[in-house]
Amino acid sequence: MPKVMHAAGLRPEATLRQLFRTQGCRHDVTTYATVAPEWKLQATGNELAILDGADRLDRV
């Protein structure tokens, strides 16, 4: 999975150690993130429209 996330422009941000257990084994979970200026360089037109329109979203 790290290769896929890196190809998408994401970098590891945090690892949650032994977050959950399945079939008797504990599993780590890594979260990934990017910063807008880096992500915008590879974003599609539709993705940019969503990101650029975020300031017009209703606040809850």
C-alpha atoms as a PDB file:
ATOM      1  CA  MET A   1       0.000   0.000   0.000  1.00  0.00           C
ATOM      2  CA  PRO A   2       2.785   2.544   0.639  1.00  0.00           C
ATOM      3  CA  LYS A   3       3.730   2.525  -3.071  1.00  0.00           C
ATOM      4  CA  VAL A   4       0.120   3.249  -4.092  1.00  0.00           C
ATOM      5  CA  MET A   5      -0.238   6.081  -1.586  1.00  0.00           C
ATOM      6  CA  HIS A   6       3.100   7.591  -2.612  1.00  0.00           C
ATOM      7  CA  ALA A   7       2.072   7.446  -6.281  1.00  0.00           C
ATOM      8  CA  ALA A   8      -1.118   9.318  -5.349  1.00  0.00           C
ATOM      9  CA  GLY A   9       0.990  12.094  -3.832  1.00  0.00           C
ATOM     10  CA  LEU A  10       0.375  11.111  -0.219  1.00  0.00           C
ATOM     11  CA  ARG A  11       2.977  10.676   2.496  1.00  0.00           C
ATOM     12  CA  PRO A  12       2.789   8.722   5.773  1.00  0.00           C
ATOM     13  CA  GLU A  13       1.657  10.974   8.590  1.00  0.00           C
ATOM     14  CA  ALA A  14       1.077   8.717  11.585  1.00  0.00           C
ATOM     15  CA  THR A  15       1.060   5.053  12.499  1.00  0.00           C
ATOM     16  CA  LEU A  16      -1.482   3.838  15.001  1.00  0.00           C
ATOM     17  CA  ARG A  17       0.147   0.816  16.576  1.00  0.00           C
ATOM     18  CA  GLN A  18      -1.950  -2.283  17.199  1.00  0.00           C
ATOM     19  CA  LEU A  19      -5.152  -0.356  16.500  1.00  0.00           C
ATOM     20  CA  PHE A  20      -7.390  -3.336  15.916  1.00  0.00           C
ATOM     21  CA  ARG A  21      -7.427  -7.089  16.251  1.00  0.00           C
ATOM     22  CA  THR A  22      -8.710  -9.692  13.815  1.00  0.00           C
ATOM     23  CA  GLN A  23      -8.335 -13.461  13.990  1.00  0.00           C
ATOM     24  CA  GLY A  24      -6.066 -13.150  17.013  1.00  0.00           C
ATOM     25  CA  CYS A  25      -3.581 -10.742  15.387  1.00  0.00           C
ATOM     26  CA  ARG A  26      -3.056  -7.048  16.159  1.00  0.00           C
ATOM     27  CA  HIS A  27      -2.747  -4.668  13.197  1.00  0.00           C
ATOM     28  CA  ASP A  28      -1.159  -1.258  12.721  1.00  0.00           C
ATOM     29  CA  VAL A  29      -2.868   1.460  10.678  1.00  0.00           C
ATOM     30  CA  THR A  30      -0.921   4.184   8.878  1.00  0.00           C
ATOM     31  CA  THR A  31      -2.629   7.440   7.963  1.00  0.00           C
ATOM     32  CA  TYR A  32      -1.492   9.393   4.916  1.00  0.00           C
ATOM     33  CA  ALA A  33      -1.810  13.057   4.010  1.00  0.00           C
ATOM     34  CA  THR A  34      -0.570  15.751   1.667  1.00  0.00           C
ATOM     35  CA  VAL A  35      -0.516  19.529   1.631  1.00  0.00           C
ATOM     36  CA  ALA A  36      -2.653  21.433  -0.855  1.00  0.00           C
ATOM     37  CA  PRO A  37       0.154  23.069  -2.904  1.00  0.00           C
ATOM     38  CA  GLU A  38       1.773  19.678  -3.561  1.00  0.00           C
ATOM     39  CA  TRP A  39      -1.523  17.930  -4.272  1.00  0.00           C
ATOM     40  CA  LYS A  40      -2.759  20.648  -6.637  1.00  0.00           C
ATOM     41  CA  LEU A  41       0.172  19.969  -8.979  1.00  0.00           C
ATOM     42  CA  GLN A  42      -1.283  16.575  -9.930  1.00  0.00           C
ATOM     43  CA  ALA A  43      -5.007  17.133  -9.336  1.00  0.00           C
ATOM     44  CA  THR A  44      -7.548  16.855 -12.135  1.00  0.00           C
ATOM     45  CA  GLY A  45      -9.760  19.788 -13.094  1.00  0.00           C
ATOM     46  CA  ASN A  46     -12.715  18.300 -11.207  1.00  0.00           C
ATOM     47  CA  GLU A  47     -10.617  17.736  -8.089  1.00  0.00           C
ATOM     48  CA  LEU A  48      -9.354  21.330  -8.217  1.00  0.00           C
ATOM     49  CA  ALA A  49     -12.915  22.614  -8.527  1.00  0.00           C
ATOM     50  CA  ILE A  50     -13.866  20.738  -5.346  1.00  0.00           C
ATOM     51  CA  LEU A  51     -10.812  21.953  -3.453  1.00  0.00           C
ATOM     52  CA  ASP A  52     -11.147  25.551  -4.638  1.00  0.00           C
ATOM     53  CA  GLY A  53     -14.857  25.567  -3.769  1.00  0.00           C
ATOM     54  CA  ALA A  54     -14.286  24.372  -0.198  1.00  0.00           C
ATOM     55  CA  ASP A  55     -14.465  27.943   1.132  1.00  0.00           C
ATOM     56  CA  ARG A  56     -18.053  28.187  -0.140  1.00  0.00           C
ATOM     57  CA  LEU A  57     -19.274  25.123   1.737  1.00  0.00           C
ATOM     58  CA  ASP A  58     -21.775  25.690   4.523  1.00  0.00           C
ATOM     59  CA  ARG A  59     -20.250  25.706   7.966  1.00  0.00           C
ATOM     60  CA  VAL A  60     -21.857  23.429  10.540  1.00  0.00           C
END
